[in-house]
Amino acid sequence: MRELTLERSHLPGKTLEGAVEFLGGLHWHLGLSEKEGLFYLRTGETLVLKTDSRDVVDAFIYGLALASCTLPEPIFKEYQDYLLRHFGEARPIPRLDSGL
């Protein structure tokens, strides 16, 4: 198994579960199922990823969460406003250290 160190260091709880919870706050609402050796990652009814590797699923989730953490401030603000208008809530998105 490969270890994803950079991605973990910047996510809530520094775990995969923290990444999933964080993405849920952005209204991704990810769901994972497995059937006949294949993993299916969905957001609601929409299939996002189909793979035979759990490592690929984990890397995708970490990458999506990390990308969300690095949104430039104007885009971040616009997204927060969108969440407030359409869902009535917007959770703070953790920001990366400026050293990256």
N, C-alpha and C. Protein backbone atom coordinates (compact mmCIF):
# COMPACT_ATOMS: atom_id res chain seq x y z
N MET A 1 0.85 -1.19 0.00
CA MET A 1 0.00 0.00 0.00
C MET A 1 0.88 1.24 0.00
N ARG A 2 0.49 2.19 -0.76
CA ARG A 2 1.20 3.47 -0.79
C ARG A 2 0.58 4.41 0.23
N GLU A 3 1.38 5.31 0.76
CA GLU A 3 0.87 6.23 1.77
C GLU A 3 0.75 7.62 1.18
N LEU A 4 -0.39 8.24 1.39
CA LEU A 4 -0.66 9.60 0.91
C LEU A 4 -0.41 10.57 2.05
N THR A 5 0.81 11.11 2.13
CA THR A 5 1.16 11.93 3.29
C THR A 5 0.78 13.39 3.13
N LEU A 6 1.06 14.01 2.00
CA LEU A 6 0.74 15.43 1.82
C LEU A 6 -0.76 15.66 1.95
N GLU A 7 -1.54 14.84 1.26
CA GLU A 7 -2.97 15.03 1.29
C GLU A 7 -3.52 14.92 2.71
N ARG A 8 -3.07 13.92 3.45
CA ARG A 8 -3.58 13.73 4.80
C ARG A 8 -3.23 14.88 5.72
N SER A 9 -2.07 15.47 5.55
CA SER A 9 -1.61 16.47 6.50
C SER A 9 -2.47 17.72 6.51
N HIS A 10 -3.28 17.95 5.48
CA HIS A 10 -4.05 19.18 5.38
C HIS A 10 -5.56 18.97 5.53
N LEU A 11 -5.99 17.76 5.82
CA LEU A 11 -7.42 17.48 5.88
C LEU A 11 -7.91 17.39 7.31
N PRO A 12 -9.20 17.67 7.53
CA PRO A 12 -9.77 17.56 8.87
C PRO A 12 -9.56 16.15 9.42
N GLY A 13 -9.00 16.05 10.61
CA GLY A 13 -8.76 14.77 11.23
C GLY A 13 -7.62 14.00 10.61
N LYS A 14 -7.07 14.50 9.52
CA LYS A 14 -5.95 13.88 8.81
C LYS A 14 -6.23 12.43 8.44
N THR A 15 -7.50 12.14 8.13
CA THR A 15 -7.91 10.78 7.79
C THR A 15 -8.82 10.79 6.56
N LEU A 16 -9.02 9.61 6.01
CA LEU A 16 -9.96 9.46 4.91
C LEU A 16 -11.37 9.84 5.35
N GLU A 17 -11.72 9.44 6.55
CA GLU A 17 -13.05 9.78 7.07
C GLU A 17 -13.21 11.29 7.19
N GLY A 18 -12.15 11.97 7.62
CA GLY A 18 -12.19 13.43 7.69
C GLY A 18 -12.38 14.05 6.31
N ALA A 19 -11.72 13.46 5.30
CA ALA A 19 -11.87 13.97 3.93
C ALA A 19 -13.31 13.79 3.44
N VAL A 20 -13.90 12.62 3.72
CA VAL A 20 -15.28 12.35 3.30
C VAL A 20 -16.24 13.29 4.01
N GLU A 21 -16.03 13.51 5.30
CA GLU A 21 -16.89 14.42 6.05
C GLU A 21 -16.76 15.85 5.52
N PHE A 22 -15.53 16.26 5.25
CA PHE A 22 -15.27 17.58 4.69
C PHE A 22 -15.99 17.76 3.36
N LEU A 23 -15.88 16.76 2.48
CA LEU A 23 -16.54 16.83 1.18
C LEU A 23 -18.07 16.82 1.32
N GLY A 24 -18.57 16.14 2.32
CA GLY A 24 -20.00 16.17 2.60
C GLY A 24 -20.46 17.58 2.92
N GLY A 25 -19.61 18.34 3.61
CA GLY A 25 -19.92 19.74 3.91
C GLY A 25 -19.97 20.60 2.67
N LEU A 26 -19.35 20.12 1.59
CA LEU A 26 -19.40 20.82 0.31
C LEU A 26 -20.50 20.25 -0.59
N HIS A 27 -21.33 19.41 -0.01
CA HIS A 27 -22.47 18.80 -0.68
C HIS A 27 -22.08 17.78 -1.75
N TRP A 28 -20.94 17.10 -1.55
CA TRP A 28 -20.59 15.99 -2.43
C TRP A 28 -21.36 14.73 -2.02
N HIS A 29 -21.53 14.49 -0.74
CA HIS A 29 -22.27 13.34 -0.20
C HIS A 29 -21.87 12.05 -0.91
N LEU A 30 -20.60 11.68 -0.74
CA LEU A 30 -20.05 10.50 -1.39
C LEU A 30 -20.56 9.22 -0.76
N GLY A 31 -20.79 8.24 -1.59
CA GLY A 31 -21.16 6.91 -1.15
C GLY A 31 -20.33 5.88 -1.89
N LEU A 32 -19.82 4.90 -1.17
CA LEU A 32 -18.97 3.87 -1.77
C LEU A 32 -19.63 2.51 -1.62
N SER A 33 -19.66 1.77 -2.71
CA SER A 33 -20.15 0.40 -2.65
C SER A 33 -19.16 -0.50 -3.40
N GLU A 34 -19.22 -1.79 -3.10
CA GLU A 34 -18.35 -2.76 -3.75
C GLU A 34 -19.20 -3.93 -4.23
N LYS A 35 -18.94 -4.37 -5.44
CA LYS A 35 -19.66 -5.51 -6.00
C LYS A 35 -18.74 -6.25 -6.96
N GLU A 36 -18.58 -7.53 -6.71
CA GLU A 36 -17.78 -8.40 -7.57
C GLU A 36 -16.38 -7.85 -7.82
N GLY A 37 -15.74 -7.34 -6.77
CA GLY A 37 -14.37 -6.86 -6.86
C GLY A 37 -14.21 -5.47 -7.43
N LEU A 38 -15.31 -4.78 -7.70
CA LEU A 38 -15.25 -3.42 -8.21
C LEU A 38 -15.81 -2.46 -7.17
N PHE A 39 -15.19 -1.29 -7.09
CA PHE A 39 -15.64 -0.24 -6.19
C PHE A 39 -16.35 0.83 -7.01
N TYR A 40 -17.49 1.28 -6.49
CA TYR A 40 -18.30 2.31 -7.14
C TYR A 40 -18.43 3.49 -6.18
N LEU A 41 -17.92 4.64 -6.61
CA LEU A 41 -18.02 5.85 -5.81
C LEU A 41 -19.05 6.76 -6.45
N ARG A 42 -20.06 7.13 -5.68
CA ARG A 42 -21.15 7.95 -6.20
C ARG A 42 -21.33 9.20 -5.35
N THR A 43 -21.89 10.21 -5.99
CA THR A 43 -22.42 11.35 -5.27
C THR A 43 -23.90 11.35 -5.61
N GLY A 44 -24.71 11.01 -4.64
CA GLY A 44 -26.12 10.79 -4.92
C GLY A 44 -26.26 9.60 -5.86
N GLU A 45 -26.96 9.79 -6.96
CA GLU A 45 -27.15 8.74 -7.95
C GLU A 45 -26.08 8.75 -9.04
N THR A 46 -25.24 9.77 -9.05
CA THR A 46 -24.25 9.94 -10.11
C THR A 46 -22.98 9.16 -9.81
N LEU A 47 -22.59 8.28 -10.74
CA LEU A 47 -21.35 7.52 -10.60
C LEU A 47 -20.18 8.45 -10.90
N VAL A 48 -19.26 8.55 -9.95
CA VAL A 48 -18.10 9.42 -10.09
C VAL A 48 -16.87 8.61 -10.50
N LEU A 49 -16.74 7.40 -9.94
CA LEU A 49 -15.55 6.59 -10.16
C LEU A 49 -15.90 5.11 -10.04
N LYS A 50 -15.36 4.31 -10.96
CA LYS A 50 -15.50 2.85 -10.92
C LYS A 50 -14.10 2.27 -11.10
N THR A 51 -13.66 1.46 -10.15
CA THR A 51 -12.30 0.93 -10.19
C THR A 51 -12.23 -0.41 -9.45
N ASP A 52 -11.17 -1.16 -9.74
CA ASP A 52 -10.96 -2.41 -9.02
C ASP A 52 -9.96 -2.24 -7.88
N SER A 53 -9.57 -1.00 -7.58
CA SER A 53 -8.56 -0.73 -6.56
C SER A 53 -9.07 0.23 -5.49
N ARG A 54 -9.05 -0.24 -4.26
CA ARG A 54 -9.44 0.64 -3.15
C ARG A 54 -8.44 1.78 -3.00
N ASP A 55 -7.17 1.54 -3.31
CA ASP A 55 -6.18 2.60 -3.26
C ASP A 55 -6.53 3.75 -4.20
N VAL A 56 -7.07 3.43 -5.37
CA VAL A 56 -7.48 4.46 -6.33
C VAL A 56 -8.63 5.27 -5.76
N VAL A 57 -9.58 4.61 -5.11
CA VAL A 57 -10.71 5.31 -4.48
C VAL A 57 -10.18 6.29 -3.44
N ASP A 58 -9.29 5.81 -2.56
CA ASP A 58 -8.76 6.66 -1.51
C ASP A 58 -8.00 7.86 -2.10
N ALA A 59 -7.18 7.61 -3.12
CA ALA A 59 -6.41 8.69 -3.75
C ALA A 59 -7.35 9.71 -4.38
N PHE A 60 -8.43 9.25 -5.01
CA PHE A 60 -9.39 10.17 -5.62
C PHE A 60 -10.03 11.06 -4.56
N ILE A 61 -10.46 10.45 -3.45
CA ILE A 61 -11.12 11.21 -2.38
C ILE A 61 -10.15 12.22 -1.77
N TYR A 62 -8.93 11.78 -1.47
CA TYR A 62 -7.94 12.71 -0.92
C TYR A 62 -7.67 13.85 -1.91
N GLY A 63 -7.52 13.52 -3.18
CA GLY A 63 -7.24 14.54 -4.19
C GLY A 63 -8.36 15.55 -4.32
N LEU A 64 -9.59 15.06 -4.31
CA LEU A 64 -10.74 15.96 -4.41
C LEU A 64 -10.80 16.89 -3.20
N ALA A 65 -10.58 16.34 -2.03
CA ALA A 65 -10.60 17.17 -0.82
C ALA A 65 -9.45 18.17 -0.81
N LEU A 66 -8.27 17.72 -1.21
CA LEU A 66 -7.13 18.63 -1.24
C LEU A 66 -7.35 19.75 -2.25
N ALA A 67 -7.87 19.41 -3.42
CA ALA A 67 -8.15 20.44 -4.43
C ALA A 67 -9.16 21.47 -3.89
N SER A 68 -10.15 20.98 -3.15
CA SER A 68 -11.14 21.89 -2.58
C SER A 68 -10.51 22.81 -1.54
N CYS A 69 -9.51 22.30 -0.82
CA CYS A 69 -8.83 23.11 0.19
C CYS A 69 -7.98 24.21 -0.42
N THR A 70 -7.62 24.07 -1.69
CA THR A 70 -6.70 25.02 -2.30
C THR A 70 -7.39 26.02 -3.22
N LEU A 71 -8.70 26.11 -3.14
CA LEU A 71 -9.42 27.08 -3.97
C LEU A 71 -8.90 28.49 -3.74
N PRO A 72 -8.65 29.26 -4.79
CA PRO A 72 -8.28 30.66 -4.60
C PRO A 72 -9.40 31.40 -3.86
N GLU A 73 -9.04 32.38 -3.09
CA GLU A 73 -10.00 33.07 -2.23
C GLU A 73 -11.24 33.58 -2.96
N PRO A 74 -11.14 34.22 -4.13
CA PRO A 74 -12.36 34.70 -4.80
C PRO A 74 -13.29 33.55 -5.21
N ILE A 75 -12.72 32.46 -5.66
CA ILE A 75 -13.55 31.30 -6.05
C ILE A 75 -14.16 30.66 -4.80
N PHE A 76 -13.37 30.57 -3.75
CA PHE A 76 -13.86 30.04 -2.48
C PHE A 76 -15.06 30.84 -1.99
N LYS A 77 -14.95 32.16 -2.02
CA LYS A 77 -16.05 33.03 -1.56
C LYS A 77 -17.29 32.84 -2.42
N GLU A 78 -17.10 32.76 -3.73
CA GLU A 78 -18.23 32.56 -4.64
C GLU A 78 -18.92 31.21 -4.37
N TYR A 79 -18.13 30.18 -4.11
CA TYR A 79 -18.68 28.85 -3.81
C TYR A 79 -19.43 28.86 -2.49
N GLN A 80 -18.87 29.52 -1.48
CA GLN A 80 -19.55 29.64 -0.19
C GLN A 80 -20.90 30.34 -0.37
N ASP A 81 -20.92 31.41 -1.16
CA ASP A 81 -22.17 32.13 -1.42
C ASP A 81 -23.18 31.23 -2.13
N TYR A 82 -22.71 30.43 -3.08
CA TYR A 82 -23.58 29.49 -3.80
C TYR A 82 -24.20 28.49 -2.82
N LEU A 83 -23.38 27.93 -1.93
CA LEU A 83 -23.90 26.97 -0.95
C LEU A 83 -24.95 27.62 -0.05
N LEU A 84 -24.70 28.84 0.36
CA LEU A 84 -25.67 29.54 1.20
C LEU A 84 -26.98 29.78 0.46
N ARG A 85 -26.90 30.20 -0.79
CA ARG A 85 -28.12 30.47 -1.57
C ARG A 85 -28.93 29.20 -1.84
N HIS A 86 -28.25 28.12 -2.18
CA HIS A 86 -28.95 26.92 -2.62
C HIS A 86 -29.23 25.90 -1.52
N PHE A 87 -28.43 25.92 -0.45
CA PHE A 87 -28.60 24.91 0.59
C PHE A 87 -28.80 25.50 1.98
N GLY A 88 -28.67 26.82 2.08
CA GLY A 88 -28.89 27.46 3.36
C GLY A 88 -27.76 27.30 4.35
N GLU A 89 -26.65 26.71 3.92
CA GLU A 89 -25.50 26.54 4.80
C GLU A 89 -24.22 26.49 3.98
N ALA A 90 -23.14 26.83 4.64
CA ALA A 90 -21.81 26.72 4.03
C ALA A 90 -20.81 26.51 5.15
N ARG A 91 -20.13 25.39 5.12
CA ARG A 91 -19.11 25.12 6.12
C ARG A 91 -17.79 25.76 5.69
N PRO A 92 -16.99 26.18 6.66
CA PRO A 92 -15.69 26.74 6.30
C PRO A 92 -14.81 25.69 5.63
N ILE A 93 -14.09 26.09 4.61
CA ILE A 93 -13.16 25.18 3.95
C ILE A 93 -11.77 25.47 4.51
N PRO A 94 -11.10 24.46 5.07
CA PRO A 94 -9.76 24.71 5.61
C PRO A 94 -8.83 25.22 4.53
N ARG A 95 -7.96 26.12 4.88
CA ARG A 95 -7.01 26.68 3.93
C ARG A 95 -5.65 26.03 4.16
N LEU A 96 -4.90 25.83 3.09
CA LEU A 96 -3.55 25.29 3.20
C LEU A 96 -2.60 26.36 3.68
N ASP A 97 -1.50 25.92 4.29
CA ASP A 97 -0.45 26.85 4.66
C ASP A 97 0.07 27.54 3.41
N SER A 98 0.45 28.78 3.55
CA SER A 98 0.92 29.54 2.39
C SER A 98 2.23 29.02 1.84
N GLY A 99 2.90 28.11 2.54
CA GLY A 99 4.17 27.57 2.08
C GLY A 99 4.04 26.63 0.90
N LEU A 100 2.84 26.21 0.57
CA LEU A 100 2.68 25.29 -0.56
C LEU A 100 2.42 26.03 -1.85
